[in-house]
Amino acid sequence: MERLTAQEESVMLYIWKLGSCFIRDILNEMPDPKPPYTSVASVVRNLEKKKYVTPKKFGTITLFSPRVKEAEYKRTFMSNVVQNYFTGSYKEMVSFFVRDRKLSKSDLQDLMDQIEKEE
């Protein structure tokens, strides 16, 4: 799976949220100030080239549908983050967030409860 740029990932999040959509639908979801239509269209075309979306023509307009599932992308992206920044250790990643005060004791307890439920 080819890595997405920040712009591509941002647009892809809207596509996942909307499901099948037109470029105008994506623009309508974006906060003000909205980027130009042509900028969003260019990003969507790049997503098409990278095989993240599938186009379906309706006359002069195109409907885009996600080709890659959001969960699949997250799994791949997070695996890469863990490999590249935490020497492949999820424990190291959690420890980083604890040291950086991004996870509280309560958050860790919630994670422990979730782990116990999964077992």
Protein backbone atom coordinates (compact mmCIF):
# COMPACT_ATOMS: atom_id res chain seq x y z
CA MET A 1 0.00 0.00 0.00
CA GLU A 2 1.49 3.31 -1.11
CA ARG A 3 1.90 5.98 1.57
CA LEU A 4 -0.39 9.00 1.41
CA THR A 5 0.66 12.62 1.73
CA ALA A 6 -0.96 14.70 4.48
CA GLN A 7 -3.31 16.29 1.90
CA GLU A 8 -4.25 12.91 0.42
CA GLU A 9 -4.89 11.45 3.86
CA SER A 10 -7.06 14.42 4.82
CA VAL A 11 -9.22 14.03 1.69
CA MET A 12 -9.32 10.25 2.10
CA LEU A 13 -10.76 10.69 5.61
CA TYR A 14 -13.68 12.60 4.08
CA ILE A 15 -14.17 9.91 1.44
CA TRP A 16 -14.25 7.19 4.11
CA LYS A 17 -16.73 9.25 6.11
CA LEU A 18 -19.00 9.88 3.13
CA GLY A 19 -18.66 6.52 1.38
CA SER A 20 -19.27 7.07 -2.33
CA CYS A 21 -19.11 10.79 -3.10
CA PHE A 22 -18.51 13.48 -5.66
CA ILE A 23 -15.75 16.08 -5.27
CA ARG A 24 -18.43 18.66 -4.43
CA ASP A 25 -19.54 16.44 -1.49
CA ILE A 26 -15.99 16.42 -0.13
CA LEU A 27 -15.79 20.21 -0.42
CA ASN A 28 -19.11 20.58 1.41
CA GLU A 29 -17.69 18.61 4.37
CA MET A 30 -14.53 20.71 4.59
CA PRO A 31 -14.32 23.65 7.00
CA ASP A 32 -13.98 27.22 5.80
CA PRO A 33 -11.92 28.51 4.14
CA LYS A 34 -12.42 25.72 1.62
CA PRO A 35 -9.66 24.91 -0.86
CA PRO A 36 -10.34 25.43 -4.57
CA TYR A 37 -12.36 22.70 -6.32
CA THR A 38 -9.41 22.03 -8.64
CA SER A 39 -7.08 21.38 -5.69
CA VAL A 40 -9.41 18.77 -4.20
CA ALA A 41 -9.95 17.24 -7.66
CA SER A 42 -6.19 16.96 -8.12
CA VAL A 43 -5.79 15.20 -4.76
CA VAL A 44 -8.63 12.79 -5.59
CA ARG A 45 -6.99 11.99 -8.95
CA ASN A 46 -3.77 11.17 -7.08
CA LEU A 47 -5.77 8.88 -4.79
CA GLU A 48 -7.17 7.21 -7.89
CA LYS A 49 -3.64 6.71 -9.31
CA LYS A 50 -2.55 5.21 -5.99
CA LYS A 51 -5.60 2.91 -6.13
CA TYR A 52 -7.24 4.23 -2.97
CA VAL A 53 -10.47 5.21 -4.75
CA THR A 54 -12.49 3.84 -7.65
CA PRO A 55 -14.11 6.28 -10.09
CA LYS A 56 -17.51 5.81 -11.72
CA LYS A 57 -18.48 8.25 -14.48
CA PHE A 58 -21.96 9.75 -14.70
CA GLY A 59 -21.82 11.93 -17.78
CA THR A 60 -19.49 14.79 -16.92
CA ILE A 61 -19.21 14.06 -13.20
CA THR A 62 -17.44 11.26 -11.39
CA LEU A 63 -18.47 9.39 -8.27
CA PHE A 64 -15.55 8.19 -6.16
CA SER A 65 -15.74 5.20 -3.82
CA PRO A 66 -13.12 4.04 -1.32
CA ARG A 67 -11.16 1.08 -2.61
CA VAL A 68 -9.04 0.68 0.52
CA LYS A 69 -10.86 0.22 3.83
CA GLU A 70 -10.10 2.76 6.54
CA ALA A 71 -9.26 0.02 9.07
CA GLU A 72 -6.81 -1.56 6.60
CA TYR A 73 -5.07 1.79 6.08
CA LYS A 74 -4.88 2.47 9.83
CA ARG A 75 -3.44 -0.98 10.49
CA THR A 76 -0.74 -0.51 7.84
CA PHE A 77 0.00 3.08 8.87
CA MET A 78 0.27 2.22 12.58
CA SER A 79 2.47 -0.79 11.84
CA ASN A 80 4.82 1.51 9.93
CA VAL A 81 4.86 4.06 12.78
CA VAL A 82 5.67 1.35 15.33
CA GLN A 83 8.39 -0.13 13.09
CA ASN A 84 9.99 3.20 12.18
CA TYR A 85 9.74 5.11 15.47
CA PHE A 86 9.44 2.51 18.23
CA THR A 87 11.73 -0.30 17.03
CA GLY A 88 8.73 -2.50 16.35
CA SER A 89 7.54 -2.38 19.97
CA TYR A 90 3.95 -1.42 20.77
CA LYS A 91 4.97 -1.41 24.44
CA GLU A 92 7.61 1.20 23.61
CA MET A 93 4.95 3.29 21.83
CA VAL A 94 2.58 3.18 24.82
CA SER A 95 5.50 4.02 27.13
CA PHE A 96 6.30 7.05 24.96
CA PHE A 97 2.72 8.32 25.28
CA VAL A 98 2.79 7.80 29.05
CA ARG A 99 6.10 9.70 29.38
CA ASP A 100 4.76 12.47 27.13
CA ARG A 101 1.62 12.62 29.33
CA LYS A 102 -0.69 11.70 26.45
CA LEU A 103 -2.04 8.67 28.37
CA SER A 104 -3.25 8.90 31.96
CA LYS A 105 -3.53 6.17 34.60
CA SER A 106 -7.23 6.07 33.83
CA ASP A 107 -6.52 5.57 30.12
CA LEU A 108 -4.11 2.74 30.92
CA GLN A 109 -6.68 1.12 33.22
CA ASP A 110 -9.25 1.32 30.41
CA LEU A 111 -6.76 -0.39 28.10
CA MET A 112 -6.11 -3.11 30.70
CA ASP A 113 -9.86 -3.66 31.07
CA GLN A 114 -10.17 -3.96 27.30
CA ILE A 115 -7.31 -6.48 27.17
CA GLU A 116 -8.95 -8.57 29.89
CA LYS A 117 -12.26 -8.58 28.00
CA GLU A 118 -10.49 -9.75 24.82
CA GLU A 119 -8.88 -12.73 26.56
